Amino acid sequence: PVPERLNGRTVGEEMAEYEYVPEDDAEPAD
């Protein structure tokens, strides 16, 4: 069976975990 695809990803494929950091909370780099 051909795997189902949704939005360019295989259905059931796990997304990489990314943490969203709003710009206000981001620490400026030195």
All heavy atoms as atom14 arrays in JSON, in Angstrom:
{
  "sequence": "PVPERLNGRTVGEEMAEYEYVPEDDAEPAD",
  "atom14_mask": [
    [1, 1, 1, 1, 1, 1, 1, 0, 0, 0, 0, 0, 0, 0],
    [1, 1, 1, 1, 1, 1, 1, 0, 0, 0, 0, 0, 0, 0],
    [1, 1, 1, 1, 1, 1, 1, 0, 0, 0, 0, 0, 0, 0],
    [1, 1, 1, 1, 1, 1, 1, 1, 1, 0, 0, 0, 0, 0],
    [1, 1, 1, 1, 1, 1, 1, 1, 1, 1, 1, 0, 0, 0],
    [1, 1, 1, 1, 1, 1, 1, 1, 0, 0, 0, 0, 0, 0],
    [1, 1, 1, 1, 1, 1, 1, 1, 0, 0, 0, 0, 0, 0],
    [1, 1, 1, 1, 0, 0, 0, 0, 0, 0, 0, 0, 0, 0],
    [1, 1, 1, 1, 1, 1, 1, 1, 1, 1, 1, 0, 0, 0],
    [1, 1, 1, 1, 1, 1, 1, 0, 0, 0, 0, 0, 0, 0],
    [1, 1, 1, 1, 1, 1, 1, 0, 0, 0, 0, 0, 0, 0],
    [1, 1, 1, 1, 0, 0, 0, 0, 0, 0, 0, 0, 0, 0],
    [1, 1, 1, 1, 1, 1, 1, 1, 1, 0, 0, 0, 0, 0],
    [1, 1, 1, 1, 1, 1, 1, 1, 1, 0, 0, 0, 0, 0],
    [1, 1, 1, 1, 1, 1, 1, 1, 0, 0, 0, 0, 0, 0],
    [1, 1, 1, 1, 1, 0, 0, 0, 0, 0, 0, 0, 0, 0],
    [1, 1, 1, 1, 1, 1, 1, 1, 1, 0, 0, 0, 0, 0],
    [1, 1, 1, 1, 1, 1, 1, 1, 1, 1, 1, 1, 0, 0],
    [1, 1, 1, 1, 1, 1, 1, 1, 1, 0, 0, 0, 0, 0],
    [1, 1, 1, 1, 1, 1, 1, 1, 1, 1, 1, 1, 0, 0],
    [1, 1, 1, 1, 1, 1, 1, 0, 0, 0, 0, 0, 0, 0],
    [1, 1, 1, 1, 1, 1, 1, 0, 0, 0, 0, 0, 0, 0],
    [1, 1, 1, 1, 1, 1, 1, 1, 1, 0, 0, 0, 0, 0],
    [1, 1, 1, 1, 1, 1, 1, 1, 0, 0, 0, 0, 0, 0],
    [1, 1, 1, 1, 1, 1, 1, 1, 0, 0, 0, 0, 0, 0],
    [1, 1, 1, 1, 1, 0, 0, 0, 0, 0, 0, 0, 0, 0],
    [1, 1, 1, 1, 1, 1, 1, 1, 1, 0, 0, 0, 0, 0],
    [1, 1, 1, 1, 1, 1, 1, 0, 0, 0, 0, 0, 0, 0],
    [1, 1, 1, 1, 1, 0, 0, 0, 0, 0, 0, 0, 0, 0],
    [1, 1, 1, 1, 1, 1, 1, 1, 0, 0, 0, 0, 0, 0]
  ],
  "atom14_positions": [
    [[0.83, -1.21, 0.0], [0.0, 0.0, 0.0], [0.87, 1.26, 0.0], [1.9, 1.31, 0.65], [-0.82, -0.11, 1.29], [-0.05, -1.05, 2.14], [0.71, -1.96, 1.22], [0.0, 0.0, 0.0], [0.0, 0.0, 0.0], [0.0, 0.0, 0.0], [0.0, 0.0, 0.0], [0.0, 0.0, 0.0], [0.0, 0.0, 0.0], [0.0, 0.0, 0.0]],
    [[0.42, 2.23, -0.77], [1.11, 3.51, -0.82], [0.69, 4.3, 0.41], [-0.5, 4.41, 0.7], [0.72, 4.28, -2.1], [1.37, 5.64, -2.14], [1.07, 3.46, -3.33], [0.0, 0.0, 0.0], [0.0, 0.0, 0.0], [0.0, 0.0, 0.0], [0.0, 0.0, 0.0], [0.0, 0.0, 0.0], [0.0, 0.0, 0.0], [0.0, 0.0, 0.0]],
    [[1.64, 4.83, 1.18], [1.26, 5.56, 2.39], [0.49, 6.83, 2.04], [0.78, 7.49, 1.04], [2.6, 5.9, 3.04], [3.62, 5.73, 1.98], [3.06, 4.78, 0.98], [0.0, 0.0, 0.0], [0.0, 0.0, 0.0], [0.0, 0.0, 0.0], [0.0, 0.0, 0.0], [0.0, 0.0, 0.0], [0.0, 0.0, 0.0], [0.0, 0.0, 0.0]],
    [[-0.51, 7.11, 2.86], [-1.29, 8.33, 2.65], [-0.42, 9.53, 2.98], [0.42, 9.49, 3.85], [-2.51, 8.34, 3.59], [-3.56, 7.33, 3.23], [-4.78, 7.48, 4.11], [-5.25, 8.63, 4.29], [-5.23, 6.45, 4.63], [0.0, 0.0, 0.0], [0.0, 0.0, 0.0], [0.0, 0.0, 0.0], [0.0, 0.0, 0.0], [0.0, 0.0, 0.0]],
    [[-0.68, 10.61, 2.23], [0.1, 11.82, 2.47], [-0.86, 12.97, 2.75], [-1.92, 13.06, 2.15], [0.99, 12.13, 1.28], [2.02, 11.02, 1.06], [3.08, 11.35, 0.06], [3.99, 12.41, 0.4], [5.01, 12.34, 1.26], [5.22, 11.23, 1.91], [5.8, 13.36, 1.47], [0.0, 0.0, 0.0], [0.0, 0.0, 0.0], [0.0, 0.0, 0.0]],
    [[-0.47, 13.81, 3.67], [-1.27, 14.96, 4.04], [-0.31, 16.13, 4.24], [0.62, 16.03, 5.04], [-2.05, 14.67, 5.33], [-2.94, 15.76, 5.86], [-4.09, 16.02, 4.89], [-3.5, 15.37, 7.22], [0.0, 0.0, 0.0], [0.0, 0.0, 0.0], [0.0, 0.0, 0.0], [0.0, 0.0, 0.0], [0.0, 0.0, 0.0], [0.0, 0.0, 0.0]],
    [[-0.49, 17.18, 3.5], [0.37, 18.36, 3.58], [1.85, 18.01, 3.4], [2.71, 18.5, 4.12], [0.18, 19.08, 4.92], [-1.22, 19.62, 5.07], [-1.86, 19.98, 4.08], [-1.73, 19.66, 6.29], [0.0, 0.0, 0.0], [0.0, 0.0, 0.0], [0.0, 0.0, 0.0], [0.0, 0.0, 0.0], [0.0, 0.0, 0.0], [0.0, 0.0, 0.0]],
    [[2.13, 17.11, 2.47], [3.52, 16.79, 2.16], [4.18, 15.81, 3.1], [5.33, 15.48, 2.93], [0.0, 0.0, 0.0], [0.0, 0.0, 0.0], [0.0, 0.0, 0.0], [0.0, 0.0, 0.0], [0.0, 0.0, 0.0], [0.0, 0.0, 0.0], [0.0, 0.0, 0.0], [0.0, 0.0, 0.0], [0.0, 0.0, 0.0], [0.0, 0.0, 0.0]],
    [[3.47, 15.38, 4.13], [4.04, 14.41, 5.08], [3.23, 13.13, 5.03], [2.04, 13.15, 4.78], [3.99, 14.96, 6.5], [4.95, 16.07, 6.77], [5.02, 16.33, 8.26], [3.73, 16.09, 8.91], [3.04, 16.98, 9.57], [3.5, 18.18, 9.71], [1.9, 16.68, 10.12], [0.0, 0.0, 0.0], [0.0, 0.0, 0.0], [0.0, 0.0, 0.0]],
    [[3.9, 12.02, 5.33], [3.21, 10.76, 5.42], [2.33, 10.78, 6.66], [2.76, 11.23, 7.72], [4.23, 9.6, 5.53], [5.07, 9.65, 4.38], [3.54, 8.26, 5.6], [0.0, 0.0, 0.0], [0.0, 0.0, 0.0], [0.0, 0.0, 0.0], [0.0, 0.0, 0.0], [0.0, 0.0, 0.0], [0.0, 0.0, 0.0], [0.0, 0.0, 0.0]],
    [[1.09, 10.34, 6.51], [0.17, 10.3, 7.64], [0.77, 9.39, 8.7], [1.23, 8.29, 8.42], [-1.22, 9.8, 7.2], [-2.12, 9.6, 8.4], [-1.83, 10.77, 6.22], [0.0, 0.0, 0.0], [0.0, 0.0, 0.0], [0.0, 0.0, 0.0], [0.0, 0.0, 0.0], [0.0, 0.0, 0.0], [0.0, 0.0, 0.0], [0.0, 0.0, 0.0]],
    [[0.78, 9.86, 9.94], [1.36, 9.09, 11.02], [2.81, 9.42, 11.27], [3.39, 8.99, 12.25], [0.0, 0.0, 0.0], [0.0, 0.0, 0.0], [0.0, 0.0, 0.0], [0.0, 0.0, 0.0], [0.0, 0.0, 0.0], [0.0, 0.0, 0.0], [0.0, 0.0, 0.0], [0.0, 0.0, 0.0], [0.0, 0.0, 0.0], [0.0, 0.0, 0.0]],
    [[3.41, 10.17, 10.36], [4.81, 10.55, 10.52], [4.9, 11.59, 11.64], [4.13, 12.55, 11.68], [5.32, 11.15, 9.21], [6.74, 11.63, 9.22], [7.12, 12.25, 7.87], [6.38, 12.13, 6.9], [8.18, 12.87, 7.84], [0.0, 0.0, 0.0], [0.0, 0.0, 0.0], [0.0, 0.0, 0.0], [0.0, 0.0, 0.0], [0.0, 0.0, 0.0]],
    [[5.8, 11.37, 12.55], [5.92, 12.29, 13.67], [6.67, 13.54, 13.24], [7.61, 13.49, 12.46], [6.67, 11.63, 14.82], [5.9, 10.48, 15.43], [6.61, 9.92, 16.64], [7.38, 10.68, 17.29], [6.39, 8.75, 16.92], [0.0, 0.0, 0.0], [0.0, 0.0, 0.0], [0.0, 0.0, 0.0], [0.0, 0.0, 0.0], [0.0, 0.0, 0.0]],
    [[6.22, 14.66, 13.77], [6.91, 15.92, 13.51], [8.02, 16.08, 14.53], [7.93, 15.61, 15.66], [5.94, 17.1, 13.65], [4.92, 17.17, 12.54], [3.85, 18.61, 12.7], [4.99, 19.94, 12.75], [0.0, 0.0, 0.0], [0.0, 0.0, 0.0], [0.0, 0.0, 0.0], [0.0, 0.0, 0.0], [0.0, 0.0, 0.0], [0.0, 0.0, 0.0]],
    [[9.08, 16.73, 14.11], [10.16, 17.03, 15.04], [9.63, 18.02, 16.07], [8.81, 18.88, 15.77], [11.34, 17.63, 14.29], [0.0, 0.0, 0.0], [0.0, 0.0, 0.0], [0.0, 0.0, 0.0], [0.0, 0.0, 0.0], [0.0, 0.0, 0.0], [0.0, 0.0, 0.0], [0.0, 0.0, 0.0], [0.0, 0.0, 0.0], [0.0, 0.0, 0.0]],
    [[10.08, 17.87, 17.29], [9.64, 18.76, 18.36], [10.44, 20.07, 18.31], [11.66, 20.05, 18.4], [9.84, 18.08, 19.72], [8.95, 16.88, 19.93], [7.49, 17.26, 20.07], [7.18, 18.34, 20.65], [6.64, 16.48, 19.58], [0.0, 0.0, 0.0], [0.0, 0.0, 0.0], [0.0, 0.0, 0.0], [0.0, 0.0, 0.0], [0.0, 0.0, 0.0]],
    [[9.74, 21.14, 18.12], [10.36, 22.47, 18.13], [9.67, 23.29, 19.2], [8.46, 23.2, 19.38], [10.21, 23.18, 16.78], [10.99, 22.53, 15.67], [10.37, 21.7, 14.75], [12.36, 22.74, 15.56], [11.09, 21.1, 13.74], [13.08, 22.14, 14.54], [12.44, 21.32, 13.63], [13.16, 20.74, 12.63], [0.0, 0.0, 0.0], [0.0, 0.0, 0.0]],
    [[10.45, 24.08, 19.86], [9.89, 24.94, 20.89], [9.76, 26.34, 20.31], [10.71, 26.9, 19.77], [10.8, 24.98, 22.12], [10.29, 25.87, 23.21], [11.24, 25.93, 24.4], [12.16, 25.11, 24.45], [11.04, 26.81, 25.25], [0.0, 0.0, 0.0], [0.0, 0.0, 0.0], [0.0, 0.0, 0.0], [0.0, 0.0, 0.0], [0.0, 0.0, 0.0]],
    [[8.56, 26.9, 20.41], [8.33, 28.25, 19.91], [8.72, 29.23, 20.98], [8.27, 29.15, 22.13], [6.86, 28.44, 19.52], [6.55, 29.86, 19.12], [6.98, 30.37, 17.91], [5.83, 30.69, 19.96], [6.7, 31.66, 17.54], [5.55, 32.0, 19.61], [5.99, 32.47, 18.39], [5.72, 33.76, 18.04], [0.0, 0.0, 0.0], [0.0, 0.0, 0.0]],
    [[9.58, 30.16, 20.62], [10.01, 31.19, 21.57], [9.62, 32.53, 20.97], [10.15, 32.94, 19.94], [11.54, 31.15, 21.8], [11.96, 32.25, 22.77], [11.96, 29.78, 22.29], [0.0, 0.0, 0.0], [0.0, 0.0, 0.0], [0.0, 0.0, 0.0], [0.0, 0.0, 0.0], [0.0, 0.0, 0.0], [0.0, 0.0, 0.0], [0.0, 0.0, 0.0]],
    [[8.65, 33.22, 21.61], [8.26, 34.53, 21.09], [9.45, 35.48, 21.12], [10.34, 35.37, 21.96], [7.16, 35.0, 22.03], [6.79, 33.82, 22.87], [7.91, 32.85, 22.79], [0.0, 0.0, 0.0], [0.0, 0.0, 0.0], [0.0, 0.0, 0.0], [0.0, 0.0, 0.0], [0.0, 0.0, 0.0], [0.0, 0.0, 0.0], [0.0, 0.0, 0.0]],
    [[9.46, 36.44, 20.21], [10.6, 37.37, 20.11], [10.79, 38.17, 21.38], [11.9, 38.52, 21.75], [10.41, 38.3, 18.92], [10.61, 37.61, 17.6], [10.56, 38.58, 16.44], [11.02, 39.72, 16.58], [10.06, 38.16, 15.39], [0.0, 0.0, 0.0], [0.0, 0.0, 0.0], [0.0, 0.0, 0.0], [0.0, 0.0, 0.0], [0.0, 0.0, 0.0]],
    [[9.72, 38.49, 22.09], [9.84, 39.27, 23.32], [10.62, 38.52, 24.37], [11.36, 39.11, 25.16], [8.45, 39.6, 23.89], [7.64, 40.46, 22.93], [8.25, 41.07, 22.02], [6.41, 40.53, 23.1], [0.0, 0.0, 0.0], [0.0, 0.0, 0.0], [0.0, 0.0, 0.0], [0.0, 0.0, 0.0], [0.0, 0.0, 0.0], [0.0, 0.0, 0.0]],
    [[10.49, 37.2, 24.42], [11.14, 36.38, 25.43], [12.54, 35.93, 25.02], [13.28, 35.4, 25.83], [10.31, 35.14, 25.75], [8.96, 35.51, 26.36], [8.83, 36.64, 26.87], [8.05, 34.66, 26.33], [0.0, 0.0, 0.0], [0.0, 0.0, 0.0], [0.0, 0.0, 0.0], [0.0, 0.0, 0.0], [0.0, 0.0, 0.0], [0.0, 0.0, 0.0]],
    [[12.88, 36.13, 23.78], [14.17, 35.64, 23.3], [15.29, 36.48, 23.89], [15.21, 37.7, 23.97], [14.22, 35.7, 21.78], [0.0, 0.0, 0.0], [0.0, 0.0, 0.0], [0.0, 0.0, 0.0], [0.0, 0.0, 0.0], [0.0, 0.0, 0.0], [0.0, 0.0, 0.0], [0.0, 0.0, 0.0], [0.0, 0.0, 0.0], [0.0, 0.0, 0.0]],
    [[16.34, 35.78, 24.33], [17.49, 36.49, 24.87], [18.37, 36.95, 23.72], [18.65, 36.18, 22.81], [18.27, 35.58, 25.8], [17.49, 35.15, 27.0], [18.28, 34.21, 27.9], [19.51, 34.19, 27.79], [17.66, 33.51, 28.68], [0.0, 0.0, 0.0], [0.0, 0.0, 0.0], [0.0, 0.0, 0.0], [0.0, 0.0, 0.0], [0.0, 0.0, 0.0]],
    [[18.84, 38.18, 23.76], [19.71, 38.63, 22.68], [21.06, 37.93, 22.76], [21.6, 37.71, 23.83], [19.86, 40.14, 22.91], [19.48, 40.34, 24.33], [18.57, 39.22, 24.74], [0.0, 0.0, 0.0], [0.0, 0.0, 0.0], [0.0, 0.0, 0.0], [0.0, 0.0, 0.0], [0.0, 0.0, 0.0], [0.0, 0.0, 0.0], [0.0, 0.0, 0.0]],
    [[21.57, 37.59, 21.61], [22.88, 36.97, 21.55], [23.94, 38.05, 21.78], [23.74, 39.22, 21.43], [23.08, 36.31, 20.2], [0.0, 0.0, 0.0], [0.0, 0.0, 0.0], [0.0, 0.0, 0.0], [0.0, 0.0, 0.0], [0.0, 0.0, 0.0], [0.0, 0.0, 0.0], [0.0, 0.0, 0.0], [0.0, 0.0, 0.0], [0.0, 0.0, 0.0]],
    [[25.06, 37.66, 22.38], [26.12, 38.62, 22.67], [26.68, 39.26, 21.43], [27.11, 40.4, 21.43], [27.26, 37.95, 23.46], [26.76, 37.54, 24.85], [25.82, 38.16, 25.36], [27.37, 36.6, 25.41], [0.0, 0.0, 0.0], [0.0, 0.0, 0.0], [0.0, 0.0, 0.0], [0.0, 0.0, 0.0], [0.0, 0.0, 0.0], [0.0, 0.0, 0.0]]
  ]
}
